[in-house]
C-alpha atoms as a PDB file:
ATOM      1  CA  UNK A   1       0.000   0.000   0.000  1.00  0.00           C
ATOM      2  CA  UNK A   2       1.344   3.373  -0.972  1.00  0.00           C
ATOM      3  CA  UNK A   3       1.770   5.748   1.967  1.00  0.00           C
ATOM      4  CA  UNK A   4      -0.920   8.351   2.593  1.00  0.00           C
ATOM      5  CA  UNK A   5       0.103  11.541   0.810  1.00  0.00           C
ATOM      6  CA  UNK A   6      -2.445  13.651   2.681  1.00  0.00           C
ATOM      7  CA  UNK A   7      -0.638  16.571   4.281  1.00  0.00           C
ATOM      8  CA  UNK A   8      -3.464  17.321   6.695  1.00  0.00           C
ATOM      9  CA  UNK A   9      -3.185  14.322   9.000  1.00  0.00           C
ATOM     10  CA  UNK A  10      -3.428  13.836  12.763  1.00  0.00           C
ATOM     11  CA  UNK A  11      -0.550  12.083  14.525  1.00  0.00           C
ATOM     12  CA  UNK A  12      -0.931  10.405  17.904  1.00  0.00           C
ATOM     13  CA  UNK A  13       2.167   9.760  19.991  1.00  0.00           C
ATOM     14  CA  UNK A  14       2.650   7.660  23.096  1.00  0.00           C
ATOM     15  CA  UNK A  15       5.899   8.106  25.002  1.00  0.00           C
ATOM     16  CA  UNK A  16       6.685  11.721  24.139  1.00  0.00           C
ATOM     17  CA  UNK A  17       8.653  12.151  27.365  1.00  0.00           C
ATOM     18  CA  UNK A  18      11.157   9.454  26.393  1.00  0.00           C
ATOM     19  CA  UNK A  19      14.363   9.903  24.428  1.00  0.00           C
ATOM     20  CA  UNK A  20      12.952   9.034  20.987  1.00  0.00           C
ATOM     21  CA  UNK A  21       9.502  10.408  21.770  1.00  0.00           C
ATOM     22  CA  UNK A  22      10.922  13.781  22.760  1.00  0.00           C
ATOM     23  CA  UNK A  23      12.526  14.249  19.342  1.00  0.00           C
ATOM     24  CA  UNK A  24       9.549  12.720  17.577  1.00  0.00           C
ATOM     25  CA  UNK A  25       6.975  15.136  18.989  1.00  0.00           C
ATOM     26  CA  UNK A  26       9.156  18.079  17.890  1.00  0.00           C
ATOM     27  CA  UNK A  27       9.550  16.740  14.354  1.00  0.00           C
ATOM     28  CA  UNK A  28       5.889  15.786  14.039  1.00  0.00           C
ATOM     29  CA  UNK A  29       4.878  19.350  14.904  1.00  0.00           C
ATOM     30  CA  UNK A  30       7.278  20.690  12.287  1.00  0.00           C
ATOM     31  CA  UNK A  31       6.258  18.163   9.636  1.00  0.00           C
ATOM     32  CA  UNK A  32       4.165  19.366   6.702  1.00  0.00           C
ATOM     33  CA  UNK A  33       2.307  16.047   6.799  1.00  0.00           C
ATOM     34  CA  UNK A  34       0.485  16.758  10.058  1.00  0.00           C
ATOM     35  CA  UNK A  35      -1.946  19.490  11.035  1.00  0.00           C
ATOM     36  CA  UNK A  36      -2.433  18.147  14.573  1.00  0.00           C
ATOM     37  CA  UNK A  37      -0.318  16.162  17.041  1.00  0.00           C
ATOM     38  CA  UNK A  38      -1.889  14.479  20.060  1.00  0.00           C
ATOM     39  CA  UNK A  39       0.471  13.433  22.845  1.00  0.00           C
ATOM     40  CA  UNK A  40      -0.645  10.865  25.419  1.00  0.00           C
ATOM     41  CA  UNK A  41       1.525  10.745  28.537  1.00  0.00           C
ATOM     42  CA  UNK A  42       1.481  10.552  32.330  1.00  0.00           C
ATOM     43  CA  UNK A  43       2.955  14.012  32.749  1.00  0.00           C
ATOM     44  CA  UNK A  44       2.824  17.287  30.864  1.00  0.00           C
ATOM     45  CA  UNK A  45       5.846  17.816  28.617  1.00  0.00           C
ATOM     46  CA  UNK A  46       7.475  21.230  28.483  1.00  0.00           C
ATOM     47  CA  UNK A  47       7.396  21.516  24.688  1.00  0.00           C
ATOM     48  CA  UNK A  48       4.705  23.809  23.292  1.00  0.00           C
ATOM     49  CA  UNK A  49       3.452  24.162  19.727  1.00  0.00           C
ATOM     50  CA  UNK A  50       0.260  25.335  18.036  1.00  0.00           C
ATOM     51  CA  UNK A  51      -0.256  21.858  16.553  1.00  0.00           C
ATOM     52  CA  UNK A  52       0.266  20.035  19.850  1.00  0.00           C
ATOM     53  CA  UNK A  53      -2.491  18.900  22.192  1.00  0.00           C
ATOM     54  CA  UNK A  54      -1.502  17.030  25.344  1.00  0.00           C
ATOM     55  CA  UNK A  55      -3.734  14.376  26.879  1.00  0.00           C
ATOM     56  CA  UNK A  56      -2.680  13.336  30.387  1.00  0.00           C
ATOM     57  CA  UNK A  57      -3.340   9.684  31.180  1.00  0.00           C
ATOM     58  CA  UNK A  58      -1.803   7.020  33.413  1.00  0.00           C
ATOM     59  CA  UNK A  59      -2.463   4.434  30.651  1.00  0.00           C
ATOM     60  CA  UNK A  60      -3.834   1.975  33.215  1.00  0.00           C
ATOM     61  CA  UNK A  61      -7.029   1.543  31.202  1.00  0.00           C
ATOM     62  CA  UNK A  62      -6.230   1.884  27.508  1.00  0.00           C
ATOM     63  CA  UNK A  63      -9.843   1.194  26.536  1.00  0.00           C
ATOM     64  CA  UNK A  64     -10.793   4.489  28.221  1.00  0.00           C
ATOM     65  CA  UNK A  65      -8.837   6.277  25.479  1.00  0.00           C
ATOM     66  CA  UNK A  66     -11.021   4.908  22.693  1.00  0.00           C
ATOM     67  CA  UNK A  67     -12.834   8.209  22.064  1.00  0.00           C
ATOM     68  CA  UNK A  68      -9.527  10.131  22.012  1.00  0.00           C
ATOM     69  CA  UNK A  69      -7.708   7.687  19.750  1.00  0.00           C
ATOM     70  CA  UNK A  70      -8.867   9.273  16.528  1.00  0.00           C
ATOM     71  CA  UNK A  71      -6.531  10.218  13.687  1.00  0.00           C
ATOM     72  CA  UNK A  72      -4.279   8.786  11.011  1.00  0.00           C
ATOM     73  CA  UNK A  73      -0.907   7.649  12.383  1.00  0.00           C
ATOM     74  CA  UNK A  74      -0.114   6.277  15.848  1.00  0.00           C
ATOM     75  CA  UNK A  75       3.511   6.377  17.009  1.00  0.00           C
ATOM     76  CA  UNK A  76       4.260   4.154  20.004  1.00  0.00           C
ATOM     77  CA  UNK A  77       7.560   4.955  21.722  1.00  0.00           C
ATOM     78  CA  UNK A  78       6.718   3.379  25.071  1.00  0.00           C
ATOM     79  CA  UNK A  79       9.496   1.510  26.790  1.00  0.00           C
ATOM     80  CA  UNK A  80      11.348   1.113  30.079  1.00  0.00           C
ATOM     81  CA  UNK A  81      14.041  -0.993  31.707  1.00  0.00           C
ATOM     82  CA  UNK A  82      13.566  -3.884  34.109  1.00  0.00           C
ATOM     83  CA  UNK A  83      15.516  -1.918  36.717  1.00  0.00           C
ATOM     84  CA  UNK A  84      13.232   1.104  36.411  1.00  0.00           C
ATOM     85  CA  UNK A  85      10.073  -1.021  36.215  1.00  0.00           C
ATOM     86  CA  UNK A  86      11.097  -2.890  39.347  1.00  0.00           C
ATOM     87  CA  UNK A  87      10.462  -6.390  38.058  1.00  0.00           C
ATOM     88  CA  UNK A  88       9.782  -8.368  34.886  1.00  0.00           C
ATOM     89  CA  UNK A  89       6.013  -8.258  35.362  1.00  0.00           C
ATOM     90  CA  UNK A  90       5.902  -4.460  35.423  1.00  0.00           C
ATOM     91  CA  UNK A  91       8.348  -4.278  32.526  1.00  0.00           C
ATOM     92  CA  UNK A  92       6.115  -6.506  30.422  1.00  0.00           C
ATOM     93  CA  UNK A  93       3.082  -4.325  31.134  1.00  0.00           C
ATOM     94  CA  UNK A  94       4.843  -1.351  29.531  1.00  0.00           C
ATOM     95  CA  UNK A  95       6.815  -3.015  26.758  1.00  0.00           C
ATOM     96  CA  UNK A  96       4.318  -5.684  25.715  1.00  0.00           C
ATOM     97  CA  UNK A  97       0.813  -5.077  27.062  1.00  0.00           C
ATOM     98  CA  UNK A  98       0.520  -1.366  26.264  1.00  0.00           C
ATOM     99  CA  UNK A  99       1.808  -1.441  22.649  1.00  0.00           C
ATOM    100  CA  UNK A 100      -0.354  -4.482  21.858  1.00  0.00           C
ATOM    101  CA  UNK A 101      -3.456  -2.944  23.459  1.00  0.00           C
ATOM    102  CA  UNK A 102      -2.891   0.312  21.592  1.00  0.00           C
ATOM    103  CA  UNK A 103      -2.462  -1.525  18.290  1.00  0.00           C
ATOM    104  CA  UNK A 104      -5.700  -3.439  18.801  1.00  0.00           C
ATOM    105  CA  UNK A 105      -7.570  -0.292  19.797  1.00  0.00           C
ATOM    106  CA  UNK A 106      -6.113   1.487  16.761  1.00  0.00           C
ATOM    107  CA  UNK A 107      -7.442  -1.318  14.576  1.00  0.00           C
ATOM    108  CA  UNK A 108     -10.911  -0.927  16.111  1.00  0.00           C
ATOM    109  CA  UNK A 109     -10.806   2.827  15.488  1.00  0.00           C
ATOM    110  CA  UNK A 110      -9.781   2.428  11.837  1.00  0.00           C
ATOM    111  CA  UNK A 111      -6.356   4.027  12.331  1.00  0.00           C
ATOM    112  CA  UNK A 112      -4.404   3.893   9.057  1.00  0.00           C
ATOM    113  CA  UNK A 113      -0.853   3.575  10.394  1.00  0.00           C
ATOM    114  CA  UNK A 114       0.783   2.159  13.524  1.00  0.00           C
ATOM    115  CA  UNK A 115       4.523   2.675  14.068  1.00  0.00           C
ATOM    116  CA  UNK A 116       6.201   1.139  17.100  1.00  0.00           C
ATOM    117  CA  UNK A 117       9.704   1.271  18.565  1.00  0.00           C
ATOM    118  CA  UNK A 118      11.149  -2.128  19.454  1.00  0.00           C
ATOM    119  CA  UNK A 119      14.808  -3.069  19.932  1.00  0.00           C
ATOM    120  CA  UNK A 120      17.769  -4.440  18.063  1.00  0.00           C
ATOM    121  CA  UNK A 121      17.853  -8.208  18.502  1.00  0.00           C
ATOM    122  CA  UNK A 122      14.133  -8.578  19.302  1.00  0.00           C
ATOM    123  CA  UNK A 123      13.187 -12.239  18.945  1.00  0.00           C
ATOM    124  CA  UNK A 124      10.122 -14.020  20.294  1.00  0.00           C
ATOM    125  CA  UNK A 125      12.162 -17.199  20.867  1.00  0.00           C
ATOM    126  CA  UNK A 126      15.139 -15.544  22.566  1.00  0.00           C
ATOM    127  CA  UNK A 127      16.311 -16.843  25.938  1.00  0.00           C
ATOM    128  CA  UNK A 128      16.804 -13.210  26.961  1.00  0.00           C
ATOM    129  CA  UNK A 129      13.640 -11.920  28.672  1.00  0.00           C
ATOM    130  CA  UNK A 130      13.997  -8.367  27.331  1.00  0.00           C
ATOM    131  CA  UNK A 131      14.526  -9.407  23.710  1.00  0.00           C
ATOM    132  CA  UNK A 132      11.874 -12.115  23.912  1.00  0.00           C
ATOM    133  CA  UNK A 133       9.301  -9.641  25.244  1.00  0.00           C
ATOM    134  CA  UNK A 134      10.082  -7.212  22.439  1.00  0.00           C
ATOM    135  CA  UNK A 135       9.833  -9.997  19.859  1.00  0.00           C
ATOM    136  CA  UNK A 136       6.498 -11.181  21.220  1.00  0.00           C
ATOM    137  CA  UNK A 137       5.204  -7.616  21.126  1.00  0.00           C
ATOM    138  CA  UNK A 138       6.244  -7.287  17.483  1.00  0.00           C
ATOM    139  CA  UNK A 139       4.392 -10.465  16.501  1.00  0.00           C
ATOM    140  CA  UNK A 140       1.160  -9.375  18.189  1.00  0.00           C
ATOM    141  CA  UNK A 141       1.279  -5.865  16.720  1.00  0.00           C
ATOM    142  CA  UNK A 142       2.077  -7.085  13.211  1.00  0.00           C
ATOM    143  CA  UNK A 143      -0.852  -9.464  13.421  1.00  0.00           C
ATOM    144  CA  UNK A 144      -3.313  -6.568  13.763  1.00  0.00           C
ATOM    145  CA  UNK A 145      -5.395  -5.595  10.756  1.00  0.00           C
ATOM    146  CA  UNK A 146      -4.106  -2.035  10.428  1.00  0.00           C
ATOM    147  CA  UNK A 147      -3.380  -1.060   6.791  1.00  0.00           C
ATOM    148  CA  UNK A 148       0.186   0.075   7.534  1.00  0.00           C
ATOM    149  CA  UNK A 149       2.279  -1.249  10.418  1.00  0.00           C
ATOM    150  CA  UNK A 150       5.998  -0.741  10.881  1.00  0.00           C
ATOM    151  CA  UNK A 151       8.382  -1.850  13.617  1.00  0.00           C
ATOM    152  CA  UNK A 152      11.711  -0.096  14.093  1.00  0.00           C
ATOM    153  CA  UNK A 153      14.606  -1.756  15.889  1.00  0.00           C
ATOM    154  CA  UNK A 154      17.164   0.835  16.971  1.00  0.00           C
ATOM    155  CA  UNK A 155      20.468  -0.192  18.471  1.00  0.00           C
ATOM    156  CA  UNK A 156      21.899   1.608  21.520  1.00  0.00           C
ATOM    157  CA  UNK A 157      20.450   5.106  21.565  1.00  0.00           C
ATOM    158  CA  UNK A 158      22.529   8.267  21.652  1.00  0.00           C
ATOM    159  CA  UNK A 159      21.072  11.490  22.987  1.00  0.00           C
ATOM    160  CA  UNK A 160      20.524  13.376  26.199  1.00  0.00           C
ATOM    161  CA  UNK A 161      18.106  11.732  28.612  1.00  0.00           C
ATOM    162  CA  UNK A 162      16.362  13.481  31.481  1.00  0.00           C
ATOM    163  CA  UNK A 163      17.684  10.741  33.741  1.00  0.00           C
ATOM    164  CA  UNK A 164      21.275   9.531  34.132  1.00  0.00           C
ATOM    165  CA  UNK A 165      21.955   5.834  33.527  1.00  0.00           C
ATOM    166  CA  UNK A 166      25.563   5.022  34.414  1.00  0.00           C
ATOM    167  CA  UNK A 167      25.649   1.611  32.745  1.00  0.00           C
ATOM    168  CA  UNK A 168      24.104   3.013  29.593  1.00  0.00           C
ATOM    169  CA  UNK A 169      26.575   5.905  29.459  1.00  0.00           C
ATOM    170  CA  UNK A 170      29.508   3.532  29.786  1.00  0.00           C
ATOM    171  CA  UNK A 171      28.031   1.340  27.072  1.00  0.00           C
ATOM    172  CA  UNK A 172      27.663   4.317  24.751  1.00  0.00           C
ATOM    173  CA  UNK A 173      31.322   5.203  25.110  1.00  0.00           C
ATOM    174  CA  UNK A 174      32.389   1.655  24.296  1.00  0.00           C
ATOM    175  CA  UNK A 175      29.955   1.474  21.393  1.00  0.00           C
ATOM    176  CA  UNK A 176      31.266   4.691  19.886  1.00  0.00           C
ATOM    177  CA  UNK A 177      34.848   3.418  20.156  1.00  0.00           C
ATOM    178  CA  UNK A 178      34.108   0.086  18.487  1.00  0.00           C
ATOM    179  CA  UNK A 179      31.482   1.247  15.957  1.00  0.00           C
ATOM    180  CA  UNK A 180      34.152   1.696  13.310  1.00  0.00           C
ATOM    181  CA  UNK A 181      34.716  -2.077  13.389  1.00  0.00           C
ATOM    182  CA  UNK A 182      31.032  -2.914  12.905  1.00  0.00           C
ATOM    183  CA  UNK A 183      30.821  -3.453   9.160  1.00  0.00           C
ATOM    184  CA  UNK A 184      28.588  -5.370   6.748  1.00  0.00           C
ATOM    185  CA  UNK A 185      25.855  -7.311   8.513  1.00  0.00           C
ATOM    186  CA  UNK A 186      27.095  -5.957  11.841  1.00  0.00           C
ATOM    187  CA  UNK A 187      26.414  -2.311  10.935  1.00  0.00           C
ATOM    188  CA  UNK A 188      22.969  -2.541  12.492  1.00  0.00           C
ATOM    189  CA  UNK A 189      24.614  -2.835  15.916  1.00  0.00           C
ATOM    190  CA  UNK A 190      26.189   0.608  15.705  1.00  0.00           C
ATOM    191  CA  UNK A 191      24.823   3.150  18.178  1.00  0.00           C
ATOM    192  CA  UNK A 192      22.188   5.456  16.697  1.00  0.00           C
ATOM    193  CA  UNK A 193      21.039   8.955  17.537  1.00  0.00           C
ATOM    194  CA  UNK A 194      17.518   9.025  18.975  1.00  0.00           C
ATOM    195  CA  UNK A 195      16.722  11.954  16.701  1.00  0.00           C
ATOM    196  CA  UNK A 196      17.685   9.833  13.698  1.00  0.00           C
ATOM    197  CA  UNK A 197      15.121   7.224  14.757  1.00  0.00           C
ATOM    198  CA  UNK A 198      12.459   9.936  15.063  1.00  0.00           C
ATOM    199  CA  UNK A 199      13.253  11.314  11.609  1.00  0.00           C
ATOM    200  CA  UNK A 200      13.147   7.843  10.084  1.00  0.00           C
ATOM    201  CA  UNK A 201       9.790   7.070  11.720  1.00  0.00           C
ATOM    202  CA  UNK A 202       8.146  10.077  10.091  1.00  0.00           C
ATOM    203  CA  UNK A 203       9.754   9.243   6.760  1.00  0.00           C
ATOM    204  CA  UNK A 204       8.510   5.647   6.948  1.00  0.00           C
ATOM    205  CA  UNK A 205       5.012   6.820   7.863  1.00  0.00           C
ATOM    206  CA  UNK A 206       4.763   9.178   4.912  1.00  0.00           C
ATOM    207  CA  UNK A 207       6.769   7.613   2.085  1.00  0.00           C
ATOM    208  CA  UNK A 208       6.365   4.385   0.164  1.00  0.00           C
ATOM    209  CA  UNK A 209       8.338   2.067   2.438  1.00  0.00           C
ATOM    210  CA  UNK A 210       5.551  -0.496   2.510  1.00  0.00           C
ATOM    211  CA  UNK A 211       7.732  -3.278   1.084  1.00  0.00           C
ATOM    212  CA  UNK A 212       8.713  -4.294   4.609  1.00  0.00           C
ATOM    213  CA  UNK A 213       7.387  -4.214   8.149  1.00  0.00           C
ATOM    214  CA  UNK A 214      10.569  -4.311  10.241  1.00  0.00           C
ATOM    215  CA  UNK A 215      13.427  -1.814   9.951  1.00  0.00           C
ATOM    216  CA  UNK A 216      16.828  -2.497  11.487  1.00  0.00           C
ATOM    217  CA  UNK A 217      18.952   0.255  12.990  1.00  0.00           C
ATOM    218  CA  UNK A 218      21.289   0.725  10.017  1.00  0.00           C
ATOM    219  CA  UNK A 219      18.264   1.042   7.704  1.00  0.00           C
ATOM    220  CA  UNK A 220      16.899   3.818   9.914  1.00  0.00           C
ATOM    221  CA  UNK A 221      20.137   5.746   9.485  1.00  0.00           C
ATOM    222  CA  UNK A 222      19.876   5.527   5.688  1.00  0.00           C
ATOM    223  CA  UNK A 223      16.197   6.483   5.669  1.00  0.00           C
ATOM    224  CA  UNK A 224      16.813   9.547   7.852  1.00  0.00           C
ATOM    225  CA  UNK A 225      19.799  10.480   5.694  1.00  0.00           C
ATOM    226  CA  UNK A 226      17.637  10.396   2.559  1.00  0.00           C
ATOM    227  CA  UNK A 227      15.347  12.964   4.180  1.00  0.00           C
ATOM    228  CA  UNK A 228      18.196  15.402   4.670  1.00  0.00           C
ATOM    229  CA  UNK A 229      19.542  14.888   1.158  1.00  0.00           C
ATOM    230  CA  UNK A 230      16.303  16.121  -0.420  1.00  0.00           C
END
């Protein structure tokens, strides 16, 4: 299916306070493709724009959002860590339950596009709980009857978070040092700027990238780069 060329669309974003979501809400508001951007989050974000409407919700009952979930493209950037969630059960609620519930509700509401952030290495049969959860989420979302669904799998994210994660910062330094050695099929493991992921998401949602449903990290870099070269 060719992407919707309408430049008067409504975008709905979940996770605007996160690293990718923060960049995404900015770029959505600046995009010529969208006349309105609805942000659903637990707390008000500081960013302000004429296109932006913020809906505050704890996301405990996704079905309660049915009347508000009206538009064209849903961007799901929800995600946490097991450490922050406290345990695997709480992690799964955020990284599996919420994206899947939102995808199903989007299908019910005749949403045209659903775009979700997953993770490099996501695999429903992985022995790693984090990667298995992400892979299971992907399968459930892709099984929904939404005309256009895309999953993006970024590698380690670069960008300034509101919170400091020591382990993540150390990992970023190592990744940047060794990225030069990640060539060929290993390029997808290179660290990626969160803003690059956001740019690629909007490009995927509005251009004819319907030949695939899953985009690896190195593909996101090339897609975002093609936007800047125009």
